[in-house]
Amino acid sequence: MAALVWDDTGNKKFETGTKNGVLFVADPTQPNGYAAGVAWNGLTAVTESNSGAEETALWADDIKYASLRSAEEFGATIEAYQCPPEFYQCDGSASIADGVIINQQGRKSFAFSYVTTIGNDVSGTDYGYKIHIIYGATASPSERAYQTINDSPDAITLSWEITTTPVNVKNHKPTAHLIIDSTLVDPTKLAAFKEVLYGSSSASSAIMLPDAIAQMFE
C-alpha cells in the first residue's frame, strides 16, 4: 500500500493544439465506406460537444429507485481558414463549370481526423499526442462574415457544426469518435497505423474503422 501523491514530477499533464486535419469523403463503393484521405490545411480549432446522456429518474417507495440515461450523441465544430475542395460536396456546394460553384446542394457525409498534443512538466509539448477520428459526420450550413479591409486586417475563420451517426464496434456500443493515445500504445503499431492513415509512397491515405484499428493494436 502507498499514500496518494499529487503533482509529482512527470505526472503534470495537459492537452493543447490541433493539427494534421484529414478529410475522408463518404464513398459507398469503397470497402471501408470512404474515399482516400486528403489533407485539410489551415485548421485552427476543433470543439468537441457531446449531447444527450440525460437522466430519467425512476421513483418508487417514496425514494429515487433508479436512474436511466438517454443515448449520447457526439458533435463538434471545425474551424479553419480554408477547406479542401473535396469538402465542398460535404458543405452543400457543387461545381457546374471550372471555377463556378453553386450552393444549396445535397450534403455528403464524411470522416475527419485531427491531432491534439499532450504535454507534461518534464517534456513540455513533446510528451505525446492523440489521434482523433470522427466517423459518420455531416456539416450544417455556417455563417461567414466578410468585412472591409482596414488598418487591422484579418482573415475570416470558417466554421462548420457537425453531427454524427455512430459506427458499429464489436462488443461495445456504436461510436462516432475514436482516440489513439501515443503515450499508451505500442510505437511500432502506431507507426504502421499512421502509414495507413496518412498514406505512404506506395499507398494513398485511408481510414480504418474501429474494429480494424482494435485488431491492429491488439
C-alpha atoms as a PDB file:
ATOM      1  CA  MET A   1       0.000   0.000   0.000  1.00  0.00           C
ATOM      2  CA  ALA A   2       1.125   3.542  -0.638  1.00  0.00           C
ATOM      3  CA  ALA A   3      -0.160   7.014   0.149  1.00  0.00           C
ATOM      4  CA  LEU A   4      -1.608   9.126  -2.640  1.00  0.00           C
ATOM      5  CA  VAL A   5       0.751  11.682  -4.176  1.00  0.00           C
ATOM      6  CA  TRP A   6      -0.354  14.771  -6.082  1.00  0.00           C
ATOM      7  CA  ASP A   7       1.541  16.687  -8.780  1.00  0.00           C
ATOM      8  CA  ASP A   8       4.653  14.501  -8.702  1.00  0.00           C
ATOM      9  CA  THR A   9       7.261  15.041 -11.412  1.00  0.00           C
ATOM     10  CA  GLY A  10       6.215  13.792 -14.851  1.00  0.00           C
ATOM     11  CA  ASN A  11       2.520  13.475 -13.993  1.00  0.00           C
ATOM     12  CA  LYS A  12       1.516  17.093 -14.522  1.00  0.00           C
ATOM     13  CA  LYS A  13      -0.093  16.562 -17.912  1.00  0.00           C
ATOM     14  CA  PHE A  14      -2.087  18.831 -20.184  1.00  0.00           C
ATOM     15  CA  GLU A  15      -3.553  18.806 -23.693  1.00  0.00           C
ATOM     16  CA  THR A  16      -3.334  21.551 -26.304  1.00  0.00           C
ATOM     17  CA  GLY A  17      -3.331  22.337 -30.010  1.00  0.00           C
ATOM     18  CA  THR A  18      -4.972  20.877 -33.074  1.00  0.00           C
ATOM     19  CA  LYS A  19      -3.288  19.997 -36.365  1.00  0.00           C
ATOM     20  CA  ASN A  20      -2.907  17.427 -39.150  1.00  0.00           C
ATOM     21  CA  GLY A  21      -6.527  17.503 -40.287  1.00  0.00           C
ATOM     22  CA  VAL A  22      -7.503  14.780 -42.770  1.00  0.00           C
ATOM     23  CA  LEU A  23     -10.831  14.583 -44.648  1.00  0.00           C
ATOM     24  CA  PHE A  24     -12.383  11.332 -45.868  1.00  0.00           C
ATOM     25  CA  VAL A  25     -15.490  11.861 -48.013  1.00  0.00           C
ATOM     26  CA  ALA A  26     -18.071   9.067 -47.886  1.00  0.00           C
ATOM     27  CA  ASP A  27     -17.828   6.645 -50.808  1.00  0.00           C
ATOM     28  CA  PRO A  28     -20.037   3.524 -50.595  1.00  0.00           C
ATOM     29  CA  THR A  29     -18.038   1.847 -53.361  1.00  0.00           C
ATOM     30  CA  GLN A  30     -15.014   1.537 -51.072  1.00  0.00           C
ATOM     31  CA  PRO A  31     -14.653  -1.374 -48.592  1.00  0.00           C
ATOM     32  CA  ASN A  32     -14.402   0.986 -45.597  1.00  0.00           C
ATOM     33  CA  GLY A  33     -17.101   3.342 -46.913  1.00  0.00           C
ATOM     34  CA  TYR A  34     -14.798   6.332 -47.501  1.00  0.00           C
ATOM     35  CA  ALA A  35     -12.638   7.721 -50.287  1.00  0.00           C
ATOM     36  CA  ALA A  36      -8.896   8.259 -49.873  1.00  0.00           C
ATOM     37  CA  GLY A  37      -7.952  10.937 -47.372  1.00  0.00           C
ATOM     38  CA  VAL A  38      -6.924  14.474 -48.312  1.00  0.00           C
ATOM     39  CA  ALA A  39      -5.027  16.975 -46.157  1.00  0.00           C
ATOM     40  CA  TRP A  40      -7.055  19.731 -44.504  1.00  0.00           C
ATOM     41  CA  ASN A  41      -4.787  22.780 -44.309  1.00  0.00           C
ATOM     42  CA  GLY A  42      -5.439  25.854 -42.169  1.00  0.00           C
ATOM     43  CA  LEU A  43      -7.101  24.006 -39.287  1.00  0.00           C
ATOM     44  CA  THR A  44      -7.441  26.353 -36.279  1.00  0.00           C
ATOM     45  CA  ALA A  45      -9.795  24.618 -33.829  1.00  0.00           C
ATOM     46  CA  VAL A  46     -11.947  21.559 -33.233  1.00  0.00           C
ATOM     47  CA  THR A  47     -14.522  21.906 -30.458  1.00  0.00           C
ATOM     48  CA  GLU A  48     -15.997  18.610 -29.320  1.00  0.00           C
ATOM     49  CA  SER A  49     -19.525  18.771 -27.913  1.00  0.00           C
ATOM     50  CA  ASN A  50     -21.298  15.673 -26.664  1.00  0.00           C
ATOM     51  CA  SER A  51     -25.018  15.820 -26.028  1.00  0.00           C
ATOM     52  CA  GLY A  52     -27.687  13.503 -24.705  1.00  0.00           C
ATOM     53  CA  ALA A  53     -26.995  11.172 -21.751  1.00  0.00           C
ATOM     54  CA  GLU A  54     -29.838  12.958 -19.934  1.00  0.00           C
ATOM     55  CA  GLU A  55     -31.205  11.417 -16.786  1.00  0.00           C
ATOM     56  CA  THR A  56     -34.678   9.993 -16.385  1.00  0.00           C
ATOM     57  CA  ALA A  57     -35.232   9.368 -12.693  1.00  0.00           C
ATOM     58  CA  LEU A  58     -37.420   6.446 -11.589  1.00  0.00           C
ATOM     59  CA  TRP A  59     -39.195   6.815  -8.242  1.00  0.00           C
ATOM     60  CA  ALA A  60     -40.718   4.084  -6.090  1.00  0.00           C
ATOM     61  CA  ASP A  61     -41.448   3.537  -2.409  1.00  0.00           C
ATOM     62  CA  ASP A  62     -41.089   7.292  -1.893  1.00  0.00           C
ATOM     63  CA  ILE A  63     -37.404   7.198  -2.868  1.00  0.00           C
ATOM     64  CA  LYS A  64     -35.322   7.517  -6.014  1.00  0.00           C
ATOM     65  CA  TYR A  65     -35.434   3.920  -7.229  1.00  0.00           C
ATOM     66  CA  ALA A  66     -33.110   4.049 -10.264  1.00  0.00           C
ATOM     67  CA  SER A  67     -31.728   6.320 -12.961  1.00  0.00           C
ATOM     68  CA  LEU A  68     -31.839   5.826 -16.723  1.00  0.00           C
ATOM     69  CA  ARG A  69     -29.693   7.755 -19.200  1.00  0.00           C
ATOM     70  CA  SER A  70     -30.659   8.624 -22.786  1.00  0.00           C
ATOM     71  CA  ALA A  71     -28.337   7.770 -25.665  1.00  0.00           C
ATOM     72  CA  GLU A  72     -25.295  10.002 -26.045  1.00  0.00           C
ATOM     73  CA  GLU A  73     -24.510  11.837 -29.286  1.00  0.00           C
ATOM     74  CA  PHE A  74     -21.175  13.223 -30.472  1.00  0.00           C
ATOM     75  CA  GLY A  75     -20.979  16.556 -32.239  1.00  0.00           C
ATOM     76  CA  ALA A  76     -18.212  19.042 -32.971  1.00  0.00           C
ATOM     77  CA  THR A  77     -17.365  22.351 -34.581  1.00  0.00           C
ATOM     78  CA  ILE A  78     -14.493  22.524 -37.065  1.00  0.00           C
ATOM     79  CA  GLU A  79     -12.817  25.900 -37.556  1.00  0.00           C
ATOM     80  CA  ALA A  80     -10.264  26.669 -40.268  1.00  0.00           C
ATOM     81  CA  TYR A  81      -9.025  29.350 -42.623  1.00  0.00           C
ATOM     82  CA  GLN A  82      -9.869  27.110 -45.578  1.00  0.00           C
ATOM     83  CA  CYS A  83     -11.182  23.695 -46.506  1.00  0.00           C
ATOM     84  CA  PRO A  84     -10.037  21.238 -49.178  1.00  0.00           C
ATOM     85  CA  PRO A  85     -12.036  21.333 -52.451  1.00  0.00           C
ATOM     86  CA  GLU A  86     -13.196  17.786 -51.720  1.00  0.00           C
ATOM     87  CA  PHE A  87     -15.148  19.179 -48.754  1.00  0.00           C
ATOM     88  CA  TYR A  88     -17.367  21.362 -50.972  1.00  0.00           C
ATOM     89  CA  GLN A  89     -19.710  18.423 -51.595  1.00  0.00           C
ATOM     90  CA  CYS A  90     -19.978  17.972 -47.814  1.00  0.00           C
ATOM     91  CA  ASP A  91     -20.808  21.673 -47.406  1.00  0.00           C
ATOM     92  CA  GLY A  92     -23.713  21.719 -49.856  1.00  0.00           C
ATOM     93  CA  SER A  93     -21.761  23.043 -52.857  1.00  0.00           C
ATOM     94  CA  ALA A  94     -21.240  21.739 -56.372  1.00  0.00           C
ATOM     95  CA  SER A  95     -19.140  22.792 -59.349  1.00  0.00           C
ATOM     96  CA  ILE A  96     -21.088  23.386 -62.564  1.00  0.00           C
ATOM     97  CA  ALA A  97     -18.040  24.549 -64.543  1.00  0.00           C
ATOM     98  CA  ASP A  98     -14.369  25.174 -63.850  1.00  0.00           C
ATOM     99  CA  GLY A  99     -14.292  27.818 -61.131  1.00  0.00           C
ATOM    100  CA  VAL A 100     -18.101  28.103 -60.949  1.00  0.00           C
ATOM    101  CA  ILE A 101     -19.660  26.850 -57.706  1.00  0.00           C
ATOM    102  CA  ILE A 102     -23.278  26.782 -56.580  1.00  0.00           C
ATOM    103  CA  ASN A 103     -24.650  26.295 -53.060  1.00  0.00           C
ATOM    104  CA  GLN A 104     -27.762  24.727 -51.501  1.00  0.00           C
ATOM    105  CA  GLN A 105     -26.976  21.278 -52.855  1.00  0.00           C
ATOM    106  CA  GLY A 106     -27.025  17.921 -51.098  1.00  0.00           C
ATOM    107  CA  ARG A 107     -24.522  17.331 -48.301  1.00  0.00           C
ATOM    108  CA  LYS A 108     -22.360  14.206 -48.315  1.00  0.00           C
ATOM    109  CA  SER A 109     -21.229  12.622 -45.083  1.00  0.00           C
ATOM    110  CA  PHE A 110     -17.552  12.332 -44.227  1.00  0.00           C
ATOM    111  CA  ALA A 111     -14.995  11.211 -41.664  1.00  0.00           C
ATOM    112  CA  PHE A 112     -12.406  13.521 -40.180  1.00  0.00           C
ATOM    113  CA  SER A 113      -9.129  13.040 -38.335  1.00  0.00           C
ATOM    114  CA  TYR A 114      -7.058  15.517 -36.359  1.00  0.00           C
ATOM    115  CA  VAL A 115      -4.259  15.510 -33.805  1.00  0.00           C
ATOM    116  CA  THR A 116      -4.041  17.117 -30.365  1.00  0.00           C
ATOM    117  CA  THR A 117      -0.821  17.486 -28.382  1.00  0.00           C
ATOM    118  CA  ILE A 118      -0.184  16.016 -24.917  1.00  0.00           C
ATOM    119  CA  GLY A 119       2.330  17.838 -22.734  1.00  0.00           C
ATOM    120  CA  ASN A 120       3.754  17.411 -19.232  1.00  0.00           C
ATOM    121  CA  ASP A 121       6.046  19.226 -16.821  1.00  0.00           C
ATOM    122  CA  VAL A 122       9.170  17.367 -17.993  1.00  0.00           C
ATOM    123  CA  SER A 123       8.938  17.088 -21.782  1.00  0.00           C
ATOM    124  CA  GLY A 124       6.645  20.037 -22.468  1.00  0.00           C
ATOM    125  CA  THR A 125       4.647  19.610 -25.672  1.00  0.00           C
ATOM    126  CA  ASP A 126       6.992  16.827 -26.863  1.00  0.00           C
ATOM    127  CA  TYR A 127       5.485  14.329 -24.426  1.00  0.00           C
ATOM    128  CA  GLY A 128       2.965  12.807 -26.837  1.00  0.00           C
ATOM    129  CA  TYR A 129      -0.181  13.287 -28.890  1.00  0.00           C
ATOM    130  CA  LYS A 130      -3.650  11.921 -29.556  1.00  0.00           C
ATOM    131  CA  ILE A 131      -5.021  10.998 -32.977  1.00  0.00           C
ATOM    132  CA  HIS A 132      -8.770  11.629 -33.136  1.00  0.00           C
ATOM    133  CA  ILE A 133     -11.075  10.102 -35.752  1.00  0.00           C
ATOM    134  CA  ILE A 134     -14.686  11.207 -36.240  1.00  0.00           C
ATOM    135  CA  TYR A 135     -16.955   8.886 -38.238  1.00  0.00           C
ATOM    136  CA  GLY A 136     -20.299   9.457 -39.983  1.00  0.00           C
ATOM    137  CA  ALA A 137     -20.218  13.260 -39.854  1.00  0.00           C
ATOM    138  CA  THR A 138     -22.454  15.715 -41.687  1.00  0.00           C
ATOM    139  CA  ALA A 139     -21.974  19.506 -41.701  1.00  0.00           C
ATOM    140  CA  SER A 140     -24.631  22.147 -41.115  1.00  0.00           C
ATOM    141  CA  PRO A 141     -24.714  25.470 -43.001  1.00  0.00           C
ATOM    142  CA  SER A 142     -22.440  28.052 -41.381  1.00  0.00           C
ATOM    143  CA  GLU A 143     -22.239  31.817 -41.230  1.00  0.00           C
ATOM    144  CA  ARG A 144     -19.447  33.734 -42.996  1.00  0.00           C
ATOM    145  CA  ALA A 145     -18.892  37.393 -42.175  1.00  0.00           C
ATOM    146  CA  TYR A 146     -16.873  39.274 -44.803  1.00  0.00           C
ATOM    147  CA  GLN A 147     -15.583  42.686 -43.691  1.00  0.00           C
ATOM    148  CA  THR A 148     -13.823  45.513 -45.477  1.00  0.00           C
ATOM    149  CA  ILE A 149     -10.016  45.518 -45.363  1.00  0.00           C
ATOM    150  CA  ASN A 150      -8.863  48.166 -42.899  1.00  0.00           C
ATOM    151  CA  ASP A 151      -5.816  49.149 -40.848  1.00  0.00           C
ATOM    152  CA  SER A 152      -6.123  45.932 -38.812  1.00  0.00           C
ATOM    153  CA  PRO A 153      -6.739  43.266 -41.475  1.00  0.00           C
ATOM    154  CA  ASP A 154      -7.608  39.722 -40.502  1.00  0.00           C
ATOM    155  CA  ALA A 155      -8.574  36.590 -42.398  1.00  0.00           C
ATOM    156  CA  ILE A 156     -12.042  35.196 -41.742  1.00  0.00           C
ATOM    157  CA  THR A 157     -12.273  31.922 -39.873  1.00  0.00           C
ATOM    158  CA  LEU A 158     -14.678  29.434 -41.427  1.00  0.00           C
ATOM    159  CA  SER A 159     -16.600  27.104 -39.139  1.00  0.00           C
ATOM    160  CA  TRP A 160     -18.832  24.065 -39.559  1.00  0.00           C
ATOM    161  CA  GLU A 161     -21.029  22.468 -36.935  1.00  0.00           C
ATOM    162  CA  ILE A 162     -21.163  18.728 -37.435  1.00  0.00           C
ATOM    163  CA  THR A 163     -23.399  15.951 -36.190  1.00  0.00           C
ATOM    164  CA  THR A 164     -22.566  12.273 -36.404  1.00  0.00           C
ATOM    165  CA  THR A 165     -24.012   8.826 -36.945  1.00  0.00           C
ATOM    166  CA  PRO A 166     -22.070   6.200 -34.942  1.00  0.00           C
ATOM    167  CA  VAL A 167     -20.447   3.142 -36.499  1.00  0.00           C
ATOM    168  CA  ASN A 168     -20.530  -0.333 -35.003  1.00  0.00           C
ATOM    169  CA  VAL A 169     -17.866  -1.555 -32.576  1.00  0.00           C
ATOM    170  CA  LYS A 170     -17.558  -5.214 -31.658  1.00  0.00           C
ATOM    171  CA  ASN A 171     -18.641  -5.936 -28.055  1.00  0.00           C
ATOM    172  CA  HIS A 172     -19.358  -2.250 -27.436  1.00  0.00           C
ATOM    173  CA  LYS A 173     -21.998   0.334 -28.233  1.00  0.00           C
ATOM    174  CA  PRO A 174     -21.609   2.153 -31.583  1.00  0.00           C
ATOM    175  CA  THR A 175     -19.369   5.226 -31.548  1.00  0.00           C
ATOM    176  CA  ALA A 176     -18.605   8.233 -33.744  1.00  0.00           C
ATOM    177  CA  HIS A 177     -15.355   9.253 -32.016  1.00  0.00           C
ATOM    178  CA  LEU A 178     -12.164   7.209 -31.597  1.00  0.00           C
ATOM    179  CA  ILE A 179      -8.931   8.355 -29.923  1.00  0.00           C
ATOM    180  CA  ILE A 180      -5.452   6.838 -30.086  1.00  0.00           C
ATOM    181  CA  ASP A 181      -3.041   7.976 -27.341  1.00  0.00           C
ATOM    182  CA  SER A 182       0.585   7.807 -28.460  1.00  0.00           C
ATOM    183  CA  THR A 183       1.800   7.530 -24.844  1.00  0.00           C
ATOM    184  CA  LEU A 184      -0.159   4.320 -24.266  1.00  0.00           C
ATOM    185  CA  VAL A 185       0.100   2.286 -27.485  1.00  0.00           C
ATOM    186  CA  ASP A 186       2.943   0.266 -28.984  1.00  0.00           C
ATOM    187  CA  PRO A 187       5.184   2.631 -31.024  1.00  0.00           C
ATOM    188  CA  THR A 188       5.706   0.103 -33.825  1.00  0.00           C
ATOM    189  CA  LYS A 189       1.977  -0.488 -34.239  1.00  0.00           C
ATOM    190  CA  LEU A 190       1.364   3.268 -34.073  1.00  0.00           C
ATOM    191  CA  ALA A 191       3.862   3.856 -36.887  1.00  0.00           C
ATOM    192  CA  ALA A 192       2.111   1.211 -39.008  1.00  0.00           C
ATOM    193  CA  PHE A 193      -1.269   2.807 -38.315  1.00  0.00           C
ATOM    194  CA  LYS A 194      -0.045   6.285 -39.248  1.00  0.00           C
ATOM    195  CA  GLU A 195       1.281   4.926 -42.536  1.00  0.00           C
ATOM    196  CA  VAL A 196      -2.272   3.805 -43.352  1.00  0.00           C
ATOM    197  CA  LEU A 197      -3.964   6.957 -42.082  1.00  0.00           C
ATOM    198  CA  TYR A 198      -1.593   9.443 -43.703  1.00  0.00           C
ATOM    199  CA  GLY A 199      -0.528   7.396 -46.731  1.00  0.00           C
ATOM    200  CA  SER A 200       2.907   6.477 -47.972  1.00  0.00           C
ATOM    201  CA  SER A 201       4.927   6.351 -51.171  1.00  0.00           C
ATOM    202  CA  SER A 202       3.127   3.130 -52.077  1.00  0.00           C
ATOM    203  CA  ALA A 203      -0.448   3.736 -50.862  1.00  0.00           C
ATOM    204  CA  SER A 204      -2.963   6.574 -50.516  1.00  0.00           C
ATOM    205  CA  SER A 205      -4.279   7.764 -47.172  1.00  0.00           C
ATOM    206  CA  ALA A 206      -7.091   5.522 -45.905  1.00  0.00           C
ATOM    207  CA  ILE A 207      -9.323   5.498 -42.858  1.00  0.00           C
ATOM    208  CA  MET A 208      -9.788   2.391 -40.723  1.00  0.00           C
ATOM    209  CA  LEU A 209     -12.968   1.505 -38.849  1.00  0.00           C
ATOM    210  CA  PRO A 210     -12.806   0.901 -35.066  1.00  0.00           C
ATOM    211  CA  ASP A 211     -12.793  -2.901 -35.231  1.00  0.00           C
ATOM    212  CA  ALA A 212      -9.869  -2.903 -37.685  1.00  0.00           C
ATOM    213  CA  ILE A 213      -7.970  -0.430 -35.514  1.00  0.00           C
ATOM    214  CA  ALA A 214      -8.557  -2.530 -32.396  1.00  0.00           C
ATOM    215  CA  GLN A 215      -7.251  -5.593 -34.220  1.00  0.00           C
ATOM    216  CA  MET A 216      -4.141  -3.716 -35.354  1.00  0.00           C
ATOM    217  CA  PHE A 217      -3.289  -2.595 -31.805  1.00  0.00           C
ATOM    218  CA  GLU A 218      -4.080  -5.885 -30.051  1.00  0.00           C
END
